[in-house]
C-alpha atoms as a PDB file:
ATOM      1  CA  MET A   1      -0.134   0.238  -0.033  1.00  0.00           C
ATOM      2  CA  THR A   2       1.398   3.211  -0.879  1.00  0.00           C
ATOM      3  CA  LYS A   3       1.452   5.861   1.823  1.00  0.00           C
ATOM      4  CA  THR A   4      -0.191   9.269   1.024  1.00  0.00           C
ATOM      5  CA  LYS A   5       1.476  12.576   1.542  1.00  0.00           C
ATOM      6  CA  ASP A   6      -0.459  13.304   5.135  1.00  0.00           C
ATOM      7  CA  GLU A   7       0.572   9.540   6.350  1.00  0.00           C
ATOM      8  CA  GLU A   8       4.628  10.407   5.233  1.00  0.00           C
ATOM      9  CA  THR A   9       4.012  14.094   7.311  1.00  0.00           C
ATOM     10  CA  GLU A  10       2.613  12.530  10.048  1.00  0.00           C
ATOM     11  CA  ARG A  11       4.978   9.698  10.393  1.00  0.00           C
ATOM     12  CA  PHE A  12       8.113  12.506   9.768  1.00  0.00           C
ATOM     13  CA  ASN A  13       6.796  14.499  12.506  1.00  0.00           C
ATOM     14  CA  LYS A  14       6.224  11.786  15.087  1.00  0.00           C
ATOM     15  CA  SER A  15       9.999  10.351  14.265  1.00  0.00           C
ATOM     16  CA  LEU A  16      11.010  13.821  15.087  1.00  0.00           C
ATOM     17  CA  LEU A  17       8.985  14.169  18.555  1.00  0.00           C
ATOM     18  CA  ILE A  18      10.696  11.179  19.092  1.00  0.00           C
ATOM     19  CA  PHE A  19      13.933  12.425  18.313  1.00  0.00           C
ATOM     20  CA  ILE A  20      14.294  14.986  20.291  1.00  0.00           C
ATOM     21  CA  ASN A  21      12.790  12.963  23.314  1.00  0.00           C
ATOM     22  CA  VAL A  22      15.149  10.082  23.032  1.00  0.00           C
ATOM     23  CA  ARG A  23      18.001  12.697  22.227  1.00  0.00           C
ATOM     24  CA  PHE A  24      17.801  15.903  23.799  1.00  0.00           C
ATOM     25  CA  LEU A  25      15.012  15.486  26.041  1.00  0.00           C
ATOM     26  CA  SER A  26      14.736  12.689  28.313  1.00  0.00           C
ATOM     27  CA  PRO A  27      18.824  12.456  28.965  1.00  0.00           C
ATOM     28  CA  ILE A  28      18.240  15.877  31.584  1.00  0.00           C
ATOM     29  CA  LYS A  29      17.908  14.350  35.233  1.00  0.00           C
ATOM     30  CA  ILE A  30      17.469  16.636  38.154  1.00  0.00           C
ATOM     31  CA  ASN A  31      19.244  15.038  41.106  1.00  0.00           C
ATOM     32  CA  GLY A  32      18.350  11.047  39.051  1.00  0.00           C
ATOM     33  CA  ARG A  33      15.090  12.424  38.314  1.00  0.00           C
ATOM     34  CA  THR A  34      13.066  13.037  35.236  1.00  0.00           C
ATOM     35  CA  PRO A  35      12.134  17.200  35.317  1.00  0.00           C
ATOM     36  CA  SER A  36       9.008  18.859  35.628  1.00  0.00           C
ATOM     37  CA  ILE A  37       7.844  20.807  32.308  1.00  0.00           C
ATOM     38  CA  ARG A  38       8.669  23.996  34.478  1.00  0.00           C
ATOM     39  CA  GLU A  39      11.968  22.896  35.243  1.00  0.00           C
ATOM     40  CA  TYR A  40      12.057  21.602  31.564  1.00  0.00           C
ATOM     41  CA  GLU A  41      11.564  25.185  30.817  1.00  0.00           C
ATOM     42  CA  LYS A  42      14.177  26.939  32.886  1.00  0.00           C
ATOM     43  CA  ILE A  43      16.787  24.050  31.397  1.00  0.00           C
ATOM     44  CA  THR A  44      15.869  24.703  27.586  1.00  0.00           C
ATOM     45  CA  SER A  45      14.721  28.462  26.869  1.00  0.00           C
ATOM     46  CA  ILE A  46      11.472  26.177  25.428  1.00  0.00           C
ATOM     47  CA  GLY A  47       8.054  27.160  26.885  1.00  0.00           C
ATOM     48  CA  ARG A  48       5.727  25.373  28.784  1.00  0.00           C
ATOM     49  CA  GLY A  49       3.186  24.596  26.006  1.00  0.00           C
ATOM     50  CA  THR A  50       5.771  23.741  23.388  1.00  0.00           C
ATOM     51  CA  ILE A  51       7.779  21.694  26.197  1.00  0.00           C
ATOM     52  CA  ASP A  52       4.195  19.625  26.780  1.00  0.00           C
ATOM     53  CA  LYS A  53       3.654  19.436  23.021  1.00  0.00           C
ATOM     54  CA  LEU A  54       7.267  17.233  22.675  1.00  0.00           C
ATOM     55  CA  LEU A  55       7.023  15.303  25.610  1.00  0.00           C
ATOM     56  CA  LYS A  56       3.282  13.810  24.169  1.00  0.00           C
ATOM     57  CA  LYS A  57       5.783  12.797  21.056  1.00  0.00           C
ATOM     58  CA  ASP A  58       2.700  12.651  18.542  1.00  0.00           C
ATOM     59  CA  GLY A  59       0.477  15.504  17.012  1.00  0.00           C
ATOM     60  CA  TYR A  60       2.647  18.167  16.813  1.00  0.00           C
ATOM     61  CA  ASP A  61       4.855  20.136  14.223  1.00  0.00           C
ATOM     62  CA  VAL A  62       7.977  21.650  15.571  1.00  0.00           C
ATOM     63  CA  PRO A  63       8.759  24.670  14.587  1.00  0.00           C
ATOM     64  CA  ILE A  64      12.181  25.485  13.565  1.00  0.00           C
ATOM     65  CA  SER A  65      12.617  28.196  16.174  1.00  0.00           C
ATOM     66  CA  THR A  66      11.971  25.728  18.581  1.00  0.00           C
ATOM     67  CA  ILE A  67      14.759  22.982  16.848  1.00  0.00           C
ATOM     68  CA  ARG A  68      16.880  26.171  16.985  1.00  0.00           C
ATOM     69  CA  LYS A  69      16.289  26.428  20.932  1.00  0.00           C
ATOM     70  CA  ILE A  70      17.310  22.303  21.335  1.00  0.00           C
ATOM     71  CA  SER A  71      20.418  22.596  19.129  1.00  0.00           C
ATOM     72  CA  LYS A  72      21.470  26.043  21.340  1.00  0.00           C
ATOM     73  CA  TYR A  73      20.687  24.415  24.484  1.00  0.00           C
ATOM     74  CA  ALA A  74      22.806  20.890  23.168  1.00  0.00           C
ATOM     75  CA  LYS A  75      25.648  23.702  22.431  1.00  0.00           C
ATOM     76  CA  ILE A  76      25.257  22.029  18.404  1.00  0.00           C
ATOM     77  CA  SER A  77      24.447  23.526  14.921  1.00  0.00           C
ATOM     78  CA  LEU A  78      21.542  23.289  12.846  1.00  0.00           C
ATOM     79  CA  THR A  79      23.750  21.491  10.647  1.00  0.00           C
ATOM     80  CA  GLU A  80      24.815  18.898  13.460  1.00  0.00           C
ATOM     81  CA  PHE A  81      21.131  18.914  14.679  1.00  0.00           C
ATOM     82  CA  PHE A  82      19.332  17.787  11.117  1.00  0.00           C
ATOM     83  CA  ASN A  83      22.885  15.359  10.306  1.00  0.00           C
ATOM     84  CA  MET A  84      21.597  13.900  13.306  1.00  0.00           C
ATOM     85  CA  PHE A  85      18.021  13.636  12.496  1.00  0.00           C
ATOM     86  CA  GLU A  86      18.786  12.501   9.253  1.00  0.00           C
ATOM     87  CA  ALA A  87      20.637   9.924  10.753  1.00  0.00           C
ATOM     88  CA  TYR A  88      18.052   8.789  13.106  1.00  0.00           C
ATOM     89  CA  LEU A  89      15.515   8.601  10.082  1.00  0.00           C
ATOM     90  CA  GLN A  90      18.261   6.247   8.065  1.00  0.00           C
ATOM     91  CA  GLU A  91      18.201   4.115  10.942  1.00  0.00           C
ATOM     92  CA  LYS A  92      14.197   3.823  10.868  1.00  0.00           C
ATOM     93  CA  GLU A  93      13.336   4.178   8.017  1.00  0.00           C
ATOM     94  CA  ALA A  94      15.547   0.593   7.557  1.00  0.00           C
ATOM     95  CA  GLU A  95      14.128  -0.799  10.565  1.00  0.00           C
ATOM     96  CA  TRP A  96      10.314  -0.244   8.877  1.00  0.00           C
ATOM     97  CA  ASN A  97      11.170  -1.775   5.845  1.00  0.00           C
ATOM     98  CA  SER A  98      12.615  -4.430   7.411  1.00  0.00           C
ATOM     99  CA  ASN A  99       9.109  -5.419   9.605  1.00  0.00           C
ATOM    100  CA  LEU A 100       7.375  -5.177   5.629  1.00  0.00           C
END
């Protein structure tokens, strides 16, 4: 079955959210515990509403301004961010294709 453009976009957006969570949000710990949304906001300079949407991992089209803040927090360039995401996507695509 061929994926429609909306399905592809939805899968891409979900992949981006999972990537951000796995690579940038989940590793953040305060005294060994996962921070609250308010604490994430202080640490990353990303608003609480946006943090909440990022943590849900579904149905959110991440703005480039948020990706810029994530990159700034992580002390990496946007190029590095997108290269890391591209590698993540290639790995996931290989997994998806092997399950077909």
